[in-house]
Amino acid sequence: MLNKDNEKLVLKYIATWIPSICIMVIIFRFSASVADDSSRTSISLTSVVIDIIERFTGETIIIGSEIYEFIHHIVRKTGHFLEYMALGCTLVLPFAFIFTRQNIKIFLCSELFAAFYACTDEFHQLFVEGRDGNIVDVGIDSMGALIGICVGFVFWWIGSALIYRKRNY
């Protein structure tokens, strides 16, 4: 049986996982989209990017052209990167809660967790109509997580400094 202080500590620890779990649910939902739905989402984003490019360059990019397909590919891979960047950023807090002042452990556990989730995500896609698992995507996801973890550390350090400063006033 936990005493009140330990109960609060456990609840705080569980709360640190909520942002990461939300991001993982979002990633899972995107991965569960059949190929046609996934393409529709990325095509609409590709259209926005192409509109911006066309305004800056004055050139017209034709749907189905090589440059169009290249931009569409970049948009899709950027989506992977950004999803896992968000995940990496949110993973710092729960691991910082466990490994107080052990930055290497926080960093490694966050990255390993994100990379493992990327592997399970690609495995999951093997069972979704029109989708496939791709080891390159695991690499892109892991790099996104790495950048996100660095951003997460910055936020964590700023937050820690503000809390420390507030306690000493």
N, C-alpha and C. Protein backbone atom coordinates (compact mmCIF):
# COMPACT_ATOMS: atom_id res chain seq x y z
N MET A 1 0.84 -1.18 0.00
CA MET A 1 0.00 0.00 0.00
C MET A 1 0.89 1.25 0.00
N LEU A 2 0.56 2.20 -0.85
CA LEU A 2 1.33 3.43 -0.96
C LEU A 2 0.82 4.48 0.02
N ASN A 3 1.79 5.22 0.59
CA ASN A 3 1.36 6.35 1.41
C ASN A 3 1.03 7.53 0.50
N LYS A 4 0.50 8.61 1.07
CA LYS A 4 0.04 9.77 0.29
C LYS A 4 1.15 10.37 -0.58
N ASP A 5 2.36 10.51 -0.01
CA ASP A 5 3.46 11.09 -0.77
C ASP A 5 3.84 10.22 -1.96
N ASN A 6 3.90 8.91 -1.75
CA ASN A 6 4.24 7.99 -2.84
C ASN A 6 3.12 7.96 -3.89
N GLU A 7 1.88 8.06 -3.45
CA GLU A 7 0.76 8.10 -4.38
C GLU A 7 0.87 9.32 -5.29
N LYS A 8 1.19 10.47 -4.71
CA LYS A 8 1.35 11.70 -5.49
C LYS A 8 2.51 11.56 -6.49
N LEU A 9 3.58 10.93 -6.04
CA LEU A 9 4.75 10.72 -6.90
C LEU A 9 4.39 9.83 -8.08
N VAL A 10 3.65 8.77 -7.83
CA VAL A 10 3.23 7.86 -8.90
C VAL A 10 2.30 8.59 -9.87
N LEU A 11 1.37 9.37 -9.36
CA LEU A 11 0.46 10.13 -10.22
C LEU A 11 1.22 11.15 -11.07
N LYS A 12 2.21 11.80 -10.48
CA LYS A 12 3.03 12.75 -11.24
C LYS A 12 3.78 12.03 -12.34
N TYR A 13 4.31 10.85 -12.03
CA TYR A 13 5.05 10.08 -13.03
C TYR A 13 4.12 9.67 -14.17
N ILE A 14 2.94 9.20 -13.85
CA ILE A 14 1.97 8.83 -14.88
C ILE A 14 1.63 10.05 -15.74
N ALA A 15 1.46 11.19 -15.11
CA ALA A 15 1.14 12.43 -15.83
C ALA A 15 2.24 12.82 -16.82
N THR A 16 3.50 12.52 -16.47
CA THR A 16 4.60 12.86 -17.39
C THR A 16 4.51 12.09 -18.70
N TRP A 17 3.83 10.96 -18.69
CA TRP A 17 3.69 10.14 -19.90
C TRP A 17 2.54 10.58 -20.80
N ILE A 18 1.61 11.37 -20.29
CA ILE A 18 0.41 11.71 -21.06
C ILE A 18 0.73 12.37 -22.41
N PRO A 19 1.63 13.38 -22.49
CA PRO A 19 1.93 13.96 -23.81
C PRO A 19 2.52 12.93 -24.78
N SER A 20 3.41 12.08 -24.32
CA SER A 20 4.02 11.06 -25.18
C SER A 20 2.97 10.07 -25.67
N ILE A 21 2.09 9.66 -24.79
CA ILE A 21 1.04 8.71 -25.18
C ILE A 21 0.12 9.35 -26.22
N CYS A 22 -0.21 10.62 -26.04
CA CYS A 22 -1.05 11.32 -27.03
C CYS A 22 -0.37 11.33 -28.40
N ILE A 23 0.91 11.63 -28.44
CA ILE A 23 1.65 11.66 -29.71
C ILE A 23 1.69 10.25 -30.32
N MET A 24 1.91 9.23 -29.49
CA MET A 24 1.95 7.86 -30.01
C MET A 24 0.59 7.44 -30.57
N VAL A 25 -0.48 7.88 -29.95
CA VAL A 25 -1.82 7.58 -30.49
C VAL A 25 -2.00 8.26 -31.85
N ILE A 26 -1.56 9.50 -31.96
CA ILE A 26 -1.66 10.22 -33.24
C ILE A 26 -0.85 9.49 -34.32
N ILE A 27 0.37 9.09 -33.98
CA ILE A 27 1.21 8.36 -34.93
C ILE A 27 0.53 7.05 -35.34
N PHE A 28 -0.01 6.34 -34.37
CA PHE A 28 -0.69 5.07 -34.65
C PHE A 28 -1.87 5.30 -35.59
N ARG A 29 -2.63 6.35 -35.33
CA ARG A 29 -3.79 6.65 -36.18
C ARG A 29 -3.37 6.96 -37.62
N PHE A 30 -2.31 7.76 -37.78
CA PHE A 30 -1.80 8.03 -39.13
C PHE A 30 -1.35 6.74 -39.81
N SER A 31 -0.68 5.88 -39.07
CA SER A 31 -0.17 4.63 -39.62
C SER A 31 -1.30 3.65 -39.96
N ALA A 32 -2.41 3.78 -39.28
CA ALA A 32 -3.54 2.88 -39.52
C ALA A 32 -4.36 3.30 -40.74
N SER A 33 -4.05 4.47 -41.31
CA SER A 33 -4.77 4.94 -42.49
C SER A 33 -4.36 4.10 -43.70
N VAL A 34 -5.34 3.63 -44.45
CA VAL A 34 -5.02 2.88 -45.68
C VAL A 34 -4.30 3.82 -46.64
N ALA A 35 -3.63 3.25 -47.61
CA ALA A 35 -2.77 4.02 -48.50
C ALA A 35 -3.50 5.19 -49.16
N ASP A 36 -4.74 4.98 -49.63
CA ASP A 36 -5.47 6.06 -50.31
C ASP A 36 -5.73 7.24 -49.38
N ASP A 37 -6.14 6.96 -48.14
CA ASP A 37 -6.40 8.03 -47.17
C ASP A 37 -5.11 8.76 -46.82
N SER A 38 -4.04 8.00 -46.63
CA SER A 38 -2.75 8.60 -46.30
C SER A 38 -2.27 9.50 -47.44
N SER A 39 -2.45 9.03 -48.68
CA SER A 39 -2.04 9.83 -49.84
C SER A 39 -2.86 11.11 -49.95
N ARG A 40 -4.16 11.01 -49.68
CA ARG A 40 -5.01 12.22 -49.75
C ARG A 40 -4.52 13.29 -48.77
N THR A 41 -4.16 12.85 -47.56
CA THR A 41 -3.66 13.80 -46.56
C THR A 41 -2.37 14.46 -47.05
N SER A 42 -1.43 13.64 -47.52
CA SER A 42 -0.15 14.21 -47.94
C SER A 42 -0.28 15.00 -49.24
N ILE A 43 -1.20 14.61 -50.10
CA ILE A 43 -1.40 15.36 -51.35
C ILE A 43 -1.94 16.76 -51.05
N SER A 44 -2.84 16.87 -50.07
CA SER A 44 -3.35 18.21 -49.74
C SER A 44 -2.23 19.10 -49.18
N LEU A 45 -1.35 18.52 -48.39
CA LEU A 45 -0.20 19.29 -47.89
C LEU A 45 0.78 19.61 -49.01
N THR A 46 0.95 18.66 -49.92
CA THR A 46 1.82 18.88 -51.07
C THR A 46 1.31 20.05 -51.91
N SER A 47 0.00 20.14 -52.07
CA SER A 47 -0.60 21.24 -52.84
C SER A 47 -0.26 22.59 -52.22
N VAL A 48 -0.30 22.67 -50.91
CA VAL A 48 0.04 23.91 -50.21
C VAL A 48 1.51 24.26 -50.47
N VAL A 49 2.39 23.27 -50.34
CA VAL A 49 3.82 23.50 -50.57
C VAL A 49 4.06 23.93 -52.01
N ILE A 50 3.40 23.26 -52.95
CA ILE A 50 3.59 23.60 -54.37
C ILE A 50 3.08 25.01 -54.66
N ASP A 51 1.96 25.39 -54.06
CA ASP A 51 1.46 26.77 -54.24
C ASP A 51 2.50 27.79 -53.79
N ILE A 52 3.12 27.52 -52.65
CA ILE A 52 4.15 28.43 -52.13
C ILE A 52 5.34 28.48 -53.08
N ILE A 53 5.79 27.31 -53.53
CA ILE A 53 6.93 27.26 -54.45
C ILE A 53 6.61 28.00 -55.75
N GLU A 54 5.41 27.77 -56.28
CA GLU A 54 5.02 28.42 -57.54
C GLU A 54 4.96 29.94 -57.39
N ARG A 55 4.51 30.43 -56.24
CA ARG A 55 4.46 31.88 -56.01
C ARG A 55 5.85 32.50 -55.97
N PHE A 56 6.79 31.77 -55.33
CA PHE A 56 8.16 32.30 -55.22
C PHE A 56 8.94 32.19 -56.52
N THR A 57 8.71 31.10 -57.27
CA THR A 57 9.51 30.88 -58.48
C THR A 57 8.85 31.37 -59.75
N GLY A 58 7.52 31.49 -59.73
CA GLY A 58 6.81 31.86 -60.95
C GLY A 58 6.66 30.69 -61.91
N GLU A 59 7.17 29.53 -61.55
CA GLU A 59 7.08 28.32 -62.38
C GLU A 59 5.82 27.55 -62.01
N THR A 60 5.30 26.78 -62.97
CA THR A 60 4.15 25.92 -62.73
C THR A 60 4.63 24.48 -62.56
N ILE A 61 4.16 23.84 -61.51
CA ILE A 61 4.52 22.45 -61.27
C ILE A 61 3.29 21.60 -61.60
N ILE A 62 3.47 20.69 -62.52
CA ILE A 62 2.37 19.87 -63.03
C ILE A 62 2.22 18.62 -62.16
N ILE A 63 0.96 18.34 -61.78
CA ILE A 63 0.67 17.14 -61.00
C ILE A 63 1.13 15.93 -61.79
N GLY A 64 1.85 15.04 -61.11
CA GLY A 64 2.35 13.82 -61.75
C GLY A 64 3.73 13.97 -62.34
N SER A 65 4.23 15.21 -62.42
CA SER A 65 5.58 15.41 -62.95
C SER A 65 6.61 14.91 -61.94
N GLU A 66 7.83 14.79 -62.42
CA GLU A 66 8.92 14.32 -61.56
C GLU A 66 9.10 15.24 -60.35
N ILE A 67 9.08 16.53 -60.57
CA ILE A 67 9.26 17.49 -59.47
C ILE A 67 8.10 17.41 -58.49
N TYR A 68 6.90 17.23 -59.01
CA TYR A 68 5.72 17.07 -58.14
C TYR A 68 5.90 15.84 -57.24
N GLU A 69 6.27 14.73 -57.84
CA GLU A 69 6.45 13.49 -57.08
C GLU A 69 7.57 13.64 -56.04
N PHE A 70 8.62 14.36 -56.41
CA PHE A 70 9.72 14.60 -55.48
C PHE A 70 9.23 15.42 -54.28
N ILE A 71 8.48 16.46 -54.55
CA ILE A 71 7.95 17.31 -53.46
C ILE A 71 7.00 16.50 -52.59
N HIS A 72 6.15 15.70 -53.22
CA HIS A 72 5.22 14.85 -52.46
C HIS A 72 5.99 13.89 -51.55
N HIS A 73 7.05 13.32 -52.08
CA HIS A 73 7.89 12.41 -51.29
C HIS A 73 8.50 13.14 -50.08
N ILE A 74 9.00 14.34 -50.31
CA ILE A 74 9.60 15.14 -49.23
C ILE A 74 8.55 15.49 -48.18
N VAL A 75 7.35 15.84 -48.61
CA VAL A 75 6.26 16.16 -47.67
C VAL A 75 5.96 14.96 -46.80
N ARG A 76 5.88 13.77 -47.40
CA ARG A 76 5.58 12.55 -46.63
C ARG A 76 6.69 12.26 -45.60
N LYS A 77 7.92 12.36 -46.03
CA LYS A 77 9.04 12.06 -45.13
C LYS A 77 9.17 13.13 -44.03
N THR A 78 8.84 14.37 -44.37
CA THR A 78 8.84 15.44 -43.37
C THR A 78 7.78 15.16 -42.31
N GLY A 79 6.66 14.60 -42.73
CA GLY A 79 5.62 14.20 -41.77
C GLY A 79 6.14 13.19 -40.77
N HIS A 80 6.85 12.19 -41.28
CA HIS A 80 7.47 11.20 -40.39
C HIS A 80 8.40 11.90 -39.39
N PHE A 81 9.28 12.73 -39.93
CA PHE A 81 10.27 13.42 -39.11
C PHE A 81 9.60 14.24 -38.01
N LEU A 82 8.58 15.01 -38.38
CA LEU A 82 7.93 15.90 -37.41
C LEU A 82 7.14 15.15 -36.35
N GLU A 83 6.48 14.05 -36.75
CA GLU A 83 5.76 13.24 -35.76
C GLU A 83 6.71 12.75 -34.67
N TYR A 84 7.84 12.24 -35.10
CA TYR A 84 8.79 11.68 -34.15
C TYR A 84 9.60 12.76 -33.44
N MET A 85 9.72 13.92 -34.04
CA MET A 85 10.33 15.05 -33.34
C MET A 85 9.45 15.42 -32.13
N ALA A 86 8.15 15.45 -32.36
CA ALA A 86 7.22 15.74 -31.26
C ALA A 86 7.30 14.65 -30.20
N LEU A 87 7.37 13.39 -30.63
CA LEU A 87 7.47 12.30 -29.66
C LEU A 87 8.76 12.42 -28.85
N GLY A 88 9.88 12.65 -29.53
CA GLY A 88 11.16 12.78 -28.84
C GLY A 88 11.14 13.89 -27.81
N CYS A 89 10.54 15.01 -28.18
CA CYS A 89 10.44 16.16 -27.28
C CYS A 89 9.67 15.79 -26.01
N THR A 90 8.58 15.04 -26.17
CA THR A 90 7.75 14.70 -25.01
C THR A 90 8.32 13.56 -24.18
N LEU A 91 9.23 12.78 -24.74
CA LEU A 91 9.81 11.65 -23.99
C LEU A 91 10.83 12.08 -22.94
N VAL A 92 11.38 13.26 -23.10
CA VAL A 92 12.41 13.72 -22.15
C VAL A 92 11.85 13.78 -20.73
N LEU A 93 10.64 14.31 -20.58
CA LEU A 93 10.08 14.51 -19.24
C LEU A 93 9.92 13.21 -18.43
N PRO A 94 9.28 12.16 -18.98
CA PRO A 94 9.15 10.96 -18.15
C PRO A 94 10.49 10.32 -17.80
N PHE A 95 11.44 10.36 -18.73
CA PHE A 95 12.74 9.78 -18.42
C PHE A 95 13.55 10.67 -17.49
N ALA A 96 13.35 11.98 -17.56
CA ALA A 96 14.00 12.90 -16.61
C ALA A 96 13.43 12.68 -15.21
N PHE A 97 12.18 12.30 -15.13
CA PHE A 97 11.54 12.01 -13.84
C PHE A 97 12.20 10.80 -13.18
N ILE A 98 12.56 9.81 -13.99
CA ILE A 98 13.19 8.59 -13.46
C ILE A 98 14.67 8.82 -13.19
N PHE A 99 15.36 9.39 -14.17
CA PHE A 99 16.83 9.53 -14.10
C PHE A 99 17.21 10.98 -13.81
N THR A 100 16.85 11.47 -12.66
CA THR A 100 17.15 12.84 -12.29
C THR A 100 18.65 13.12 -12.41
N ARG A 101 18.97 14.19 -13.15
CA ARG A 101 20.36 14.66 -13.34
C ARG A 101 21.27 13.62 -14.00
N GLN A 102 20.72 12.70 -14.75
CA GLN A 102 21.52 11.71 -15.48
C GLN A 102 21.22 11.87 -16.97
N ASN A 103 21.73 12.96 -17.52
CA ASN A 103 21.38 13.36 -18.88
C ASN A 103 21.62 12.29 -19.93
N ILE A 104 22.71 11.55 -19.81
CA ILE A 104 23.01 10.51 -20.80
C ILE A 104 21.94 9.43 -20.77
N LYS A 105 21.51 9.01 -19.58
CA LYS A 105 20.46 7.99 -19.48
C LYS A 105 19.13 8.52 -20.02
N ILE A 106 18.82 9.77 -19.70
CA ILE A 106 17.59 10.38 -20.21
C ILE A 106 17.62 10.39 -21.73
N PHE A 107 18.74 10.84 -22.28
CA PHE A 107 18.89 10.93 -23.73
C PHE A 107 18.79 9.56 -24.38
N LEU A 108 19.55 8.60 -23.89
CA LEU A 108 19.57 7.26 -24.50
C LEU A 108 18.22 6.56 -24.38
N CYS A 109 17.61 6.63 -23.23
CA CYS A 109 16.31 5.97 -23.05
C CYS A 109 15.24 6.60 -23.94
N SER A 110 15.27 7.92 -24.04
CA SER A 110 14.31 8.61 -24.91
C SER A 110 14.50 8.18 -26.36
N GLU A 111 15.74 8.17 -26.82
CA GLU A 111 16.02 7.81 -28.22
C GLU A 111 15.71 6.33 -28.49
N LEU A 112 16.10 5.45 -27.57
CA LEU A 112 15.82 4.03 -27.75
C LEU A 112 14.32 3.75 -27.76
N PHE A 113 13.60 4.42 -26.88
CA PHE A 113 12.15 4.24 -26.83
C PHE A 113 11.52 4.69 -28.14
N ALA A 114 11.92 5.86 -28.63
CA ALA A 114 11.37 6.40 -29.88
C ALA A 114 11.72 5.50 -31.06
N ALA A 115 12.96 5.02 -31.12
CA ALA A 115 13.38 4.14 -32.21
C ALA A 115 12.61 2.81 -32.16
N PHE A 116 12.40 2.30 -30.96
CA PHE A 116 11.61 1.07 -30.81
C PHE A 116 10.18 1.30 -31.27
N TYR A 117 9.61 2.44 -30.89
CA TYR A 117 8.25 2.74 -31.32
C TYR A 117 8.18 2.89 -32.84
N ALA A 118 9.22 3.48 -33.44
CA ALA A 118 9.27 3.60 -34.90
C ALA A 118 9.28 2.22 -35.56
N CYS A 119 10.03 1.29 -34.98
CA CYS A 119 10.06 -0.08 -35.51
C CYS A 119 8.68 -0.74 -35.41
N THR A 120 8.03 -0.57 -34.26
CA THR A 120 6.70 -1.17 -34.11
C THR A 120 5.69 -0.50 -35.05
N ASP A 121 5.87 0.79 -35.29
CA ASP A 121 4.99 1.53 -36.20
C ASP A 121 5.13 1.00 -37.63
N GLU A 122 6.35 0.79 -38.07
CA GLU A 122 6.57 0.26 -39.42
C GLU A 122 6.05 -1.18 -39.53
N PHE A 123 6.22 -1.97 -38.47
CA PHE A 123 5.68 -3.33 -38.44
C PHE A 123 4.16 -3.29 -38.55
N HIS A 124 3.56 -2.38 -37.81
CA HIS A 124 2.10 -2.21 -37.84
C HIS A 124 1.63 -1.91 -39.27
N GLN A 125 2.38 -1.10 -40.00
CA GLN A 125 1.98 -0.72 -41.35
C GLN A 125 1.99 -1.90 -42.33
N LEU A 126 2.71 -2.98 -41.98
CA LEU A 126 2.70 -4.17 -42.83
C LEU A 126 1.30 -4.77 -42.93
N PHE A 127 0.46 -4.48 -41.96
CA PHE A 127 -0.88 -5.06 -41.89
C PHE A 127 -1.97 -4.08 -42.33
N VAL A 128 -1.57 -2.93 -42.86
CA VAL A 128 -2.52 -1.91 -43.29
C VAL A 128 -2.57 -1.94 -44.82
N GLU A 129 -3.78 -1.94 -45.37
CA GLU A 129 -3.98 -2.03 -46.81
C GLU A 129 -3.20 -0.96 -47.58
N GLY A 130 -2.37 -1.43 -48.51
CA GLY A 130 -1.62 -0.52 -49.37
C GLY A 130 -0.40 0.10 -48.74
N ARG A 131 -0.10 -0.23 -47.51
CA ARG A 131 1.06 0.35 -46.82
C ARG A 131 2.13 -0.72 -46.69
N ASP A 132 3.34 -0.30 -46.36
CA ASP A 132 4.42 -1.26 -46.11
C ASP A 132 5.32 -0.73 -45.02
N GLY A 133 6.09 -1.62 -44.44
CA GLY A 133 7.08 -1.23 -43.45
C GLY A 133 8.36 -0.84 -44.19
N ASN A 134 9.03 0.18 -43.70
CA ASN A 134 10.18 0.69 -44.42
C ASN A 134 11.28 1.05 -43.42
N ILE A 135 12.41 0.42 -43.54
CA ILE A 135 13.52 0.66 -42.61
C ILE A 135 14.05 2.09 -42.75
N VAL A 136 13.96 2.67 -43.94
CA VAL A 136 14.38 4.06 -44.13
C VAL A 136 13.52 4.98 -43.27
N ASP A 137 12.22 4.69 -43.20
CA ASP A 137 11.33 5.49 -42.37
C ASP A 137 11.70 5.39 -40.89
N VAL A 138 12.17 4.23 -40.46
CA VAL A 138 12.63 4.09 -39.07
C VAL A 138 13.81 5.04 -38.83
N GLY A 139 14.70 5.13 -39.80
CA GLY A 139 15.83 6.04 -39.68
C GLY A 139 15.39 7.50 -39.64
N ILE A 140 14.45 7.86 -40.50
CA ILE A 140 13.92 9.23 -40.52
C ILE A 140 13.22 9.52 -39.19
N ASP A 141 12.42 8.57 -38.73
CA ASP A 141 11.72 8.74 -37.46
C ASP A 141 12.71 8.91 -36.31
N SER A 142 13.75 8.10 -36.30
CA SER A 142 14.75 8.16 -35.23
C SER A 142 15.50 9.48 -35.25
N MET A 143 15.79 10.00 -36.45
CA MET A 143 16.45 11.31 -36.54
C MET A 143 15.52 12.42 -36.05
N GLY A 144 14.25 12.31 -36.40
CA GLY A 144 13.28 13.29 -35.89
C GLY A 144 13.22 13.25 -34.38
N ALA A 145 13.21 12.04 -33.81
CA ALA A 145 13.19 11.89 -32.36
C ALA A 145 14.44 12.51 -31.74
N LEU A 146 15.58 12.29 -32.37
CA LEU A 146 16.84 12.84 -31.87
C LEU A 146 16.78 14.36 -31.76
N ILE A 147 16.29 15.02 -32.80
CA ILE A 147 16.15 16.48 -32.77
C ILE A 147 15.12 16.88 -31.71
N GLY A 148 14.01 16.14 -31.65
CA GLY A 148 12.98 16.42 -30.65
C GLY A 148 13.50 16.29 -29.23
N ILE A 149 14.34 15.29 -29.00
CA ILE A 149 14.93 15.10 -27.68
C ILE A 149 15.81 16.30 -27.32
N CYS A 150 16.58 16.77 -28.27
CA CYS A 150 17.41 17.97 -28.02
C CYS A 150 16.53 19.17 -27.66
N VAL A 151 15.44 19.35 -28.39
CA VAL A 151 14.50 20.43 -28.08
C VAL A 151 13.88 20.20 -26.70
N GLY A 152 13.52 18.95 -26.42
CA GLY A 152 12.95 18.60 -25.12
C GLY A 152 13.90 18.92 -23.98
N PHE A 153 15.19 18.66 -24.19
CA PHE A 153 16.18 19.00 -23.17
C PHE A 153 16.23 20.50 -22.92
N VAL A 154 16.16 21.28 -23.99
CA VAL A 154 16.18 22.74 -23.83
C VAL A 154 14.99 23.17 -22.97
N PHE A 155 13.79 22.68 -23.30
CA PHE A 155 12.60 23.02 -22.51
C PHE A 155 12.73 22.54 -21.07
N TRP A 156 13.26 21.35 -20.89
CA TRP A 156 13.42 20.79 -19.55
C TRP A 156 14.40 21.62 -18.73
N TRP A 157 15.52 22.00 -19.35
CA TRP A 157 16.50 22.81 -18.62
C TRP A 157 15.92 24.19 -18.28
N ILE A 158 15.22 24.80 -19.21
CA ILE A 158 14.59 26.10 -18.93
C ILE A 158 13.58 25.97 -17.80
N GLY A 159 12.73 24.95 -17.89
CA GLY A 159 11.73 24.70 -16.84
C GLY A 159 12.38 24.45 -15.49
N SER A 160 13.44 23.65 -15.48
CA SER A 160 14.15 23.36 -14.23
C SER A 160 14.76 24.63 -13.64
N ALA A 161 15.34 25.45 -14.51
CA ALA A 161 15.95 26.70 -14.04
C ALA A 161 14.90 27.64 -13.46
N LEU A 162 13.75 27.72 -14.11
CA LEU A 162 12.67 28.58 -13.60
C LEU A 162 12.15 28.08 -12.27
N ILE A 163 11.99 26.77 -12.15
CA ILE A 163 11.52 26.20 -10.87
C ILE A 163 12.55 26.43 -9.77
N TYR A 164 13.83 26.20 -10.09
CA TYR A 164 14.89 26.42 -9.12
C TYR A 164 14.92 27.88 -8.68
N ARG A 165 14.80 28.77 -9.65
CA ARG A 165 14.83 30.21 -9.36
C ARG A 165 13.65 30.60 -8.47
N LYS A 166 12.46 30.07 -8.77
CA LYS A 166 11.27 30.38 -7.99
C LYS A 166 11.41 29.89 -6.54
N ARG A 167 12.00 28.72 -6.36
CA ARG A 167 12.18 28.16 -5.01
C ARG A 167 13.15 28.98 -4.17
N ASN A 168 14.12 29.61 -4.83
CA ASN A 168 15.14 30.36 -4.09
C ASN A 168 14.78 31.81 -3.86
N TYR A 169 13.58 32.21 -4.23
CA TYR A 169 13.15 33.60 -3.96
C TYR A 169 12.23 33.64 -2.79
